[in-house]
PDB file of all heavy atoms in Angstrom:
ATOM      1  N   ILE A   1     245.468  23.583  70.985  1.00  0.00           N
ATOM      2  CA  ILE A   1     246.049  22.332  71.469  1.00  0.00           C
ATOM      3  C   ILE A   1     244.885  21.546  72.074  1.00  0.00           C
ATOM      4  O   ILE A   1     244.360  21.894  73.107  1.00  0.00           O
ATOM      5  CB  ILE A   1     247.108  22.591  72.553  1.00  0.00           C
ATOM      6  CG1 ILE A   1     248.121  23.636  72.096  1.00  0.00           C
ATOM      7  CG2 ILE A   1     247.802  21.272  72.919  1.00  0.00           C
ATOM      8  CD1 ILE A   1     248.983  23.257  70.950  1.00  0.00           C
ATOM      9  N   GLY A   2     244.487  20.484  71.442  1.00  0.00           N
ATOM     10  CA  GLY A   2     243.346  19.710  71.948  1.00  0.00           C
ATOM     11  C   GLY A   2     242.080  19.991  71.155  1.00  0.00           C
ATOM     12  O   GLY A   2     242.117  20.676  70.150  1.00  0.00           O
ATOM     13  N   PRO A   3     240.961  19.464  71.598  1.00  0.00           N
ATOM     14  CA  PRO A   3     240.801  18.761  72.878  1.00  0.00           C
ATOM     15  C   PRO A   3     241.245  17.303  72.882  1.00  0.00           C
ATOM     16  O   PRO A   3     241.079  16.651  73.903  1.00  0.00           O
ATOM     17  CB  PRO A   3     239.300  18.875  73.124  1.00  0.00           C
ATOM     18  CG  PRO A   3     238.674  18.990  71.770  1.00  0.00           C
ATOM     19  CD  PRO A   3     239.665  19.690  70.903  1.00  0.00           C
ATOM     20  N   GLN A   4     241.829  16.788  71.806  1.00  0.00           N
ATOM     21  CA  GLN A   4     242.256  15.374  71.830  1.00  0.00           C
ATOM     22  C   GLN A   4     243.771  15.259  71.744  1.00  0.00           C
ATOM     23  O   GLN A   4     244.294  14.356  71.107  1.00  0.00           O
ATOM     24  CB  GLN A   4     241.611  14.580  70.684  1.00  0.00           C
ATOM     25  CG  GLN A   4     240.208  14.103  71.006  1.00  0.00           C
ATOM     26  CD  GLN A   4     239.157  15.163  70.689  1.00  0.00           C
ATOM     27  OE1 GLN A   4     239.314  15.945  69.793  1.00  0.00           O
ATOM     28  NE2 GLN A   4     238.100  15.182  71.481  1.00  0.00           N
ATOM     29  N   HIS A   5     244.482  16.174  72.309  1.00  0.00           N
ATOM     30  CA  HIS A   5     245.937  16.169  72.178  1.00  0.00           C
ATOM     31  C   HIS A   5     246.564  15.181  73.182  1.00  0.00           C
ATOM     32  O   HIS A   5     246.132  15.140  74.341  1.00  0.00           O
ATOM     33  CB  HIS A   5     246.497  17.569  72.398  1.00  0.00           C
ATOM     34  CG  HIS A   5     247.890  17.733  71.877  1.00  0.00           C
ATOM     35  ND1 HIS A   5     248.999  17.393  72.626  1.00  0.00           N
ATOM     36  CD2 HIS A   5     248.359  18.167  70.699  1.00  0.00           C
ATOM     37  CE1 HIS A   5     250.084  17.624  71.911  1.00  0.00           C
ATOM     38  NE2 HIS A   5     249.733  18.097  70.753  1.00  0.00           N
ATOM     39  N   PRO A   6     247.519  14.388  72.757  1.00  0.00           N
ATOM     40  CA  PRO A   6     248.118  13.415  73.686  1.00  0.00           C
ATOM     41  C   PRO A   6     248.897  14.054  74.850  1.00  0.00           C
ATOM     42  O   PRO A   6     249.304  13.362  75.758  1.00  0.00           O
ATOM     43  CB  PRO A   6     249.061  12.589  72.794  1.00  0.00           C
ATOM     44  CG  PRO A   6     249.315  13.449  71.610  1.00  0.00           C
ATOM     45  CD  PRO A   6     248.090  14.261  71.399  1.00  0.00           C
ATOM     46  N   ALA A   7     249.101  15.367  74.778  1.00  0.00           N
ATOM     47  CA  ALA A   7     249.866  16.018  75.842  1.00  0.00           C
ATOM     48  C   ALA A   7     249.020  16.353  77.068  1.00  0.00           C
ATOM     49  O   ALA A   7     249.501  16.950  77.999  1.00  0.00           O
ATOM     50  CB  ALA A   7     250.456  17.321  75.299  1.00  0.00           C
ATOM     51  N   THR A   8     247.758  15.984  77.057  1.00  0.00           N
ATOM     52  CA  THR A   8     246.900  16.399  78.167  1.00  0.00           C
ATOM     53  C   THR A   8     246.382  15.197  78.976  1.00  0.00           C
ATOM     54  O   THR A   8     246.242  14.111  78.461  1.00  0.00           O
ATOM     55  CB  THR A   8     245.674  17.192  77.646  1.00  0.00           C
ATOM     56  OG1 THR A   8     244.938  16.363  76.766  1.00  0.00           O
ATOM     57  CG2 THR A   8     246.090  18.446  76.915  1.00  0.00           C
ATOM     58  N   HIS A   9     246.087  15.464  80.243  1.00  0.00           N
ATOM     59  CA  HIS A   9     245.493  14.449  81.115  1.00  0.00           C
ATOM     60  C   HIS A   9     243.979  14.525  80.962  1.00  0.00           C
ATOM     61  O   HIS A   9     243.298  15.218  81.729  1.00  0.00           O
ATOM     62  CB  HIS A   9     245.865  14.696  82.583  1.00  0.00           C
ATOM     63  CG  HIS A   9     247.309  14.525  82.857  1.00  0.00           C
ATOM     64  ND1 HIS A   9     247.884  13.295  83.000  1.00  0.00           N
ATOM     65  CD2 HIS A   9     248.310  15.431  82.957  1.00  0.00           C
ATOM     66  CE1 HIS A   9     249.178  13.458  83.228  1.00  0.00           C
ATOM     67  NE2 HIS A   9     249.458  14.720  83.206  1.00  0.00           N
ATOM     68  N   GLY A  10     243.412  13.840  80.008  1.00  0.00           N
ATOM     69  CA  GLY A  10     241.959  13.957  79.808  1.00  0.00           C
ATOM     70  C   GLY A  10     241.664  14.934  78.704  1.00  0.00           C
ATOM     71  O   GLY A  10     242.515  15.217  77.859  1.00  0.00           O
ATOM     72  N   VAL A  11     240.466  15.483  78.703  1.00  0.00           N
ATOM     73  CA  VAL A  11     240.009  16.322  77.576  1.00  0.00           C
ATOM     74  C   VAL A  11     240.084  17.794  77.949  1.00  0.00           C
ATOM     75  O   VAL A  11     239.137  18.400  78.422  1.00  0.00           O
ATOM     76  CB  VAL A  11     238.565  15.944  77.189  1.00  0.00           C
ATOM     77  CG1 VAL A  11     238.197  16.591  75.864  1.00  0.00           C
ATOM     78  CG2 VAL A  11     238.419  14.442  77.086  1.00  0.00           C
ATOM     79  N   LEU A  12     241.233  18.393  77.730  1.00  0.00           N
ATOM     80  CA  LEU A  12     241.462  19.820  77.946  1.00  0.00           C
ATOM     81  C   LEU A  12     241.853  20.449  76.629  1.00  0.00           C
ATOM     82  O   LEU A  12     242.557  19.806  75.832  1.00  0.00           O
ATOM     83  CB  LEU A  12     242.589  20.040  78.966  1.00  0.00           C
ATOM     84  CG  LEU A  12     242.992  21.494  79.225  1.00  0.00           C
ATOM     85  CD1 LEU A  12     241.955  22.208  80.067  1.00  0.00           C
ATOM     86  CD2 LEU A  12     244.355  21.559  79.918  1.00  0.00           C
ATOM     87  N   ARG A  13     241.386  21.660  76.408  1.00  0.00           N
ATOM     88  CA  ARG A  13     241.789  22.365  75.200  1.00  0.00           C
ATOM     89  C   ARG A  13     242.524  23.638  75.611  1.00  0.00           C
ATOM     90  O   ARG A  13     242.097  24.339  76.520  1.00  0.00           O
ATOM     91  CB  ARG A  13     240.546  22.736  74.383  1.00  0.00           C
ATOM     92  CG  ARG A  13     240.856  23.578  73.149  1.00  0.00           C
ATOM     93  CD  ARG A  13     239.591  23.804  72.349  1.00  0.00           C
ATOM     94  NE  ARG A  13     239.642  25.027  71.576  1.00  0.00           N
ATOM     95  CZ  ARG A  13     238.637  25.876  71.406  1.00  0.00           C
ATOM     96  NH1 ARG A  13     237.470  25.620  71.970  1.00  0.00           N
ATOM     97  NH2 ARG A  13     238.767  26.962  70.686  1.00  0.00           N
ATOM     98  N   LEU A  14     243.665  23.878  74.958  1.00  0.00           N
ATOM     99  CA  LEU A  14     244.405  25.101  75.210  1.00  0.00           C
ATOM    100  C   LEU A  14     244.413  25.934  73.934  1.00  0.00           C
ATOM    101  O   LEU A  14     244.801  25.464  72.873  1.00  0.00           O
ATOM    102  CB  LEU A  14     245.859  24.767  75.583  1.00  0.00           C
ATOM    103  CG  LEU A  14     246.212  24.536  77.033  1.00  0.00           C
ATOM    104  CD1 LEU A  14     247.694  24.228  77.136  1.00  0.00           C
ATOM    105  CD2 LEU A  14     245.884  25.744  77.897  1.00  0.00           C
ATOM    106  N   LYS A  15     243.955  27.157  74.083  1.00  0.00           N
ATOM    107  CA  LYS A  15     243.956  28.075  72.936  1.00  0.00           C
ATOM    108  C   LYS A  15     245.121  29.037  73.142  1.00  0.00           C
ATOM    109  O   LYS A  15     245.095  29.869  74.019  1.00  0.00           O
ATOM    110  CB  LYS A  15     242.620  28.830  72.892  1.00  0.00           C
ATOM    111  CG  LYS A  15     242.436  29.713  71.673  1.00  0.00           C
ATOM    112  CD  LYS A  15     241.086  30.392  71.724  1.00  0.00           C
ATOM    113  CE  LYS A  15     240.945  31.365  70.557  1.00  0.00           C
ATOM    114  NZ  LYS A  15     239.678  32.121  70.679  1.00  0.00           N
ATOM    115  N   VAL A  16     246.162  28.851  72.319  1.00  0.00           N
ATOM    116  CA  VAL A  16     247.362  29.681  72.522  1.00  0.00           C
ATOM    117  C   VAL A  16     247.593  30.580  71.308  1.00  0.00           C
ATOM    118  O   VAL A  16     247.324  30.212  70.173  1.00  0.00           O
ATOM    119  CB  VAL A  16     248.615  28.797  72.767  1.00  0.00           C
ATOM    120  CG1 VAL A  16     248.496  28.041  74.072  1.00  0.00           C
ATOM    121  CG2 VAL A  16     248.883  27.848  71.625  1.00  0.00           C
ATOM    122  N   VAL A  17     248.092  31.775  71.591  1.00  0.00           N
ATOM    123  CA  VAL A  17     248.478  32.711  70.530  1.00  0.00           C
ATOM    124  C   VAL A  17     249.999  32.732  70.510  1.00  0.00           C
ATOM    125  O   VAL A  17     250.661  32.961  71.544  1.00  0.00           O
ATOM    126  CB  VAL A  17     247.921  34.135  70.817  1.00  0.00           C
ATOM    127  CG1 VAL A  17     248.402  35.124  69.753  1.00  0.00           C
ATOM    128  CG2 VAL A  17     246.396  34.117  70.838  1.00  0.00           C
ATOM    129  N   LEU A  18     250.557  32.474  69.324  1.00  0.00           N
ATOM    130  CA  LEU A  18     252.013  32.358  69.180  1.00  0.00           C
ATOM    131  C   LEU A  18     252.582  33.519  68.376  1.00  0.00           C
ATOM    132  O   LEU A  18     251.983  34.043  67.448  1.00  0.00           O
ATOM    133  CB  LEU A  18     252.374  31.052  68.466  1.00  0.00           C
ATOM    134  CG  LEU A  18     251.908  29.722  69.070  1.00  0.00           C
ATOM    135  CD1 LEU A  18     252.283  28.576  68.147  1.00  0.00           C
ATOM    136  CD2 LEU A  18     252.520  29.546  70.438  1.00  0.00           C
ATOM    137  N   ASP A  19     253.817  33.917  68.789  1.00  0.00           N
ATOM    138  CA  ASP A  19     254.616  34.821  67.979  1.00  0.00           C
ATOM    139  C   ASP A  19     255.863  34.015  67.645  1.00  0.00           C
ATOM    140  O   ASP A  19     256.787  33.902  68.447  1.00  0.00           O
ATOM    141  CB  ASP A  19     254.957  36.082  68.797  1.00  0.00           C
ATOM    142  CG  ASP A  19     255.843  37.035  67.993  1.00  0.00           C
ATOM    143  OD1 ASP A  19     255.992  36.810  66.789  1.00  0.00           O
ATOM    144  OD2 ASP A  19     256.367  37.982  68.584  1.00  0.00           O
ATOM    145  N   GLY A  20     255.878  33.412  66.451  1.00  0.00           N
ATOM    146  CA  GLY A  20     256.932  32.457  66.137  1.00  0.00           C
ATOM    147  C   GLY A  20     256.737  31.222  67.003  1.00  0.00           C
ATOM    148  O   GLY A  20     255.668  30.601  66.952  1.00  0.00           O
ATOM    149  N   GLU A  21     257.742  30.893  67.800  1.00  0.00           N
ATOM    150  CA  GLU A  21     257.604  29.737  68.717  1.00  0.00           C
ATOM    151  C   GLU A  21     257.280  30.193  70.133  1.00  0.00           C
ATOM    152  O   GLU A  21     257.152  29.347  71.031  1.00  0.00           O
ATOM    153  CB  GLU A  21     258.885  28.916  68.722  1.00  0.00           C
ATOM    154  CG  GLU A  21     259.059  28.027  67.494  1.00  0.00           C
ATOM    155  CD  GLU A  21     260.118  26.982  67.701  1.00  0.00           C
ATOM    156  OE1 GLU A  21     260.256  26.490  68.828  1.00  0.00           O
ATOM    157  OE2 GLU A  21     260.808  26.666  66.717  1.00  0.00           O
ATOM    158  N   ARG A  22     257.144  31.471  70.356  1.00  0.00           N
ATOM    159  CA  ARG A  22     256.927  31.987  71.706  1.00  0.00           C
ATOM    160  C   ARG A  22     255.438  32.164  71.986  1.00  0.00           C
ATOM    161  O   ARG A  22     254.702  32.698  71.139  1.00  0.00           O
ATOM    162  CB  ARG A  22     257.648  33.339  71.838  1.00  0.00           C
ATOM    163  CG  ARG A  22     257.740  33.925  73.227  1.00  0.00           C
ATOM    164  CD  ARG A  22     258.760  33.276  74.091  1.00  0.00           C
ATOM    165  NE  ARG A  22     260.106  33.224  73.541  1.00  0.00           N
ATOM    166  CZ  ARG A  22     261.122  32.643  74.154  1.00  0.00           C
ATOM    167  NH1 ARG A  22     260.915  32.036  75.310  1.00  0.00           N
ATOM    168  NH2 ARG A  22     262.309  32.625  73.620  1.00  0.00           N
ATOM    169  N   ILE A  23     255.001  31.682  73.126  1.00  0.00           N
ATOM    170  CA  ILE A  23     253.588  31.810  73.485  1.00  0.00           C
ATOM    171  C   ILE A  23     253.311  33.207  74.021  1.00  0.00           C
ATOM    172  O   ILE A  23     253.998  33.696  74.930  1.00  0.00           O
ATOM    173  CB  ILE A  23     253.192  30.743  74.546  1.00  0.00           C
ATOM    174  CG1 ILE A  23     253.338  29.323  73.974  1.00  0.00           C
ATOM    175  CG2 ILE A  23     251.766  30.970  75.064  1.00  0.00           C
ATOM    176  CD1 ILE A  23     253.145  28.219  74.990  1.00  0.00           C
ATOM    177  N   VAL A  24     252.313  33.880  73.421  1.00  0.00           N
ATOM    178  CA  VAL A  24     251.967  35.242  73.836  1.00  0.00           C
ATOM    179  C   VAL A  24     250.842  35.183  74.883  1.00  0.00           C
ATOM    180  O   VAL A  24     250.938  35.786  75.941  1.00  0.00           O
ATOM    181  CB  VAL A  24     251.531  36.096  72.607  1.00  0.00           C
ATOM    182  CG1 VAL A  24     251.166  37.516  73.067  1.00  0.00           C
ATOM    183  CG2 VAL A  24     252.644  36.125  71.571  1.00  0.00           C
ATOM    184  N   THR A  25     249.778  34.463  74.557  1.00  0.00           N
ATOM    185  CA  THR A  25     248.683  34.258  75.534  1.00  0.00           C
ATOM    186  C   THR A  25     248.252  32.798  75.471  1.00  0.00           C
ATOM    187  O   THR A  25     248.435  32.110  74.447  1.00  0.00           O
ATOM    188  CB  THR A  25     247.458  35.138  75.219  1.00  0.00           C
ATOM    189  OG1 THR A  25     246.924  34.782  73.946  1.00  0.00           O
ATOM    190  CG2 THR A  25     247.785  36.627  75.256  1.00  0.00           C
ATOM    191  N   ALA A  26     247.701  32.346  76.578  1.00  0.00           N
ATOM    192  CA  ALA A  26     247.209  30.959  76.644  1.00  0.00           C
ATOM    193  C   ALA A  26     245.903  30.955  77.418  1.00  0.00           C
ATOM    194  O   ALA A  26     245.808  31.534  78.486  1.00  0.00           O
ATOM    195  CB  ALA A  26     248.224  30.052  77.321  1.00  0.00           C
ATOM    196  N   GLU A  27     244.902  30.282  76.855  1.00  0.00           N
ATOM    197  CA  GLU A  27     243.594  30.228  77.505  1.00  0.00           C
ATOM    198  C   GLU A  27     243.143  28.764  77.617  1.00  0.00           C
ATOM    199  O   GLU A  27     242.883  28.115  76.609  1.00  0.00           O
ATOM    200  CB  GLU A  27     242.561  31.020  76.686  1.00  0.00           C
ATOM    201  CG  GLU A  27     241.165  30.983  77.276  1.00  0.00           C
ATOM    202  CD  GLU A  27     240.120  31.514  76.320  1.00  0.00           C
ATOM    203  OE1 GLU A  27     240.478  32.087  75.250  1.00  0.00           O
ATOM    204  OE2 GLU A  27     238.917  31.370  76.620  1.00  0.00           O
ATOM    205  N   PRO A  28     243.043  28.249  78.848  1.00  0.00           N
ATOM    206  CA  PRO A  28     242.515  26.891  78.994  1.00  0.00           C
ATOM    207  C   PRO A  28     241.003  26.898  78.739  1.00  0.00           C
ATOM    208  O   PRO A  28     240.281  27.710  79.323  1.00  0.00           O
ATOM    209  CB  PRO A  28     242.806  26.524  80.458  1.00  0.00           C
ATOM    210  CG  PRO A  28     243.646  27.640  80.999  1.00  0.00           C
ATOM    211  CD  PRO A  28     243.402  28.819  80.140  1.00  0.00           C
ATOM    212  N   VAL A  29     240.540  26.029  77.865  1.00  0.00           N
ATOM    213  CA  VAL A  29     239.103  25.916  77.580  1.00  0.00           C
ATOM    214  C   VAL A  29     238.641  24.615  78.232  1.00  0.00           C
ATOM    215  O   VAL A  29     239.060  23.524  77.854  1.00  0.00           O
ATOM    216  CB  VAL A  29     238.839  25.899  76.065  1.00  0.00           C
ATOM    217  CG1 VAL A  29     237.346  25.866  75.797  1.00  0.00           C
ATOM    218  CG2 VAL A  29     239.464  27.122  75.401  1.00  0.00           C
ATOM    219  N   ILE A  30     237.754  24.767  79.214  1.00  0.00           N
ATOM    220  CA  ILE A  30     237.352  23.592  80.000  1.00  0.00           C
ATOM    221  C   ILE A  30     235.872  23.276  79.773  1.00  0.00           C
ATOM    222  O   ILE A  30     235.163  24.021  79.111  1.00  0.00           O
ATOM    223  CB  ILE A  30     237.627  23.810  81.503  1.00  0.00           C
ATOM    224  CG1 ILE A  30     236.798  24.974  82.011  1.00  0.00           C
ATOM    225  CG2 ILE A  30     239.113  24.027  81.748  1.00  0.00           C
ATOM    226  CD1 ILE A  30     236.853  25.161  83.522  1.00  0.00           C
ATOM    227  N   GLY A  31     235.423  22.173  80.310  1.00  0.00           N
ATOM    228  CA  GLY A  31     234.001  21.847  80.243  1.00  0.00           C
ATOM    229  C   GLY A  31     233.673  20.671  79.348  1.00  0.00           C
ATOM    230  O   GLY A  31     232.522  20.258  79.264  1.00  0.00           O
ATOM    231  N   TYR A  32     234.676  20.070  78.732  1.00  0.00           N
ATOM    232  CA  TYR A  32     234.390  18.960  77.794  1.00  0.00           C
ATOM    233  C   TYR A  32     233.919  17.689  78.521  1.00  0.00           C
ATOM    234  O   TYR A  32     233.298  16.818  77.929  1.00  0.00           O
ATOM    235  CB  TYR A  32     235.617  18.631  76.941  1.00  0.00           C
ATOM    236  CG  TYR A  32     235.942  19.697  75.920  1.00  0.00           C
ATOM    237  CD1 TYR A  32     236.831  20.732  76.204  1.00  0.00           C
ATOM    238  CD2 TYR A  32     235.317  19.688  74.691  1.00  0.00           C
ATOM    239  CE1 TYR A  32     237.113  21.728  75.266  1.00  0.00           C
ATOM    240  CE2 TYR A  32     235.596  20.665  73.739  1.00  0.00           C
ATOM    241  CZ  TYR A  32     236.491  21.678  74.045  1.00  0.00           C
ATOM    242  OH  TYR A  32     236.745  22.636  73.110  1.00  0.00           O
TER     243      TYR A  32
END
């Protein structure tokens, strides 16, 4: 998700692992 996703306040990237529609893990990637 990102780093240019309209769902974020600024430039944040979210790296998510999905099982179907369910989020298993989520890692915010910062520093942009």
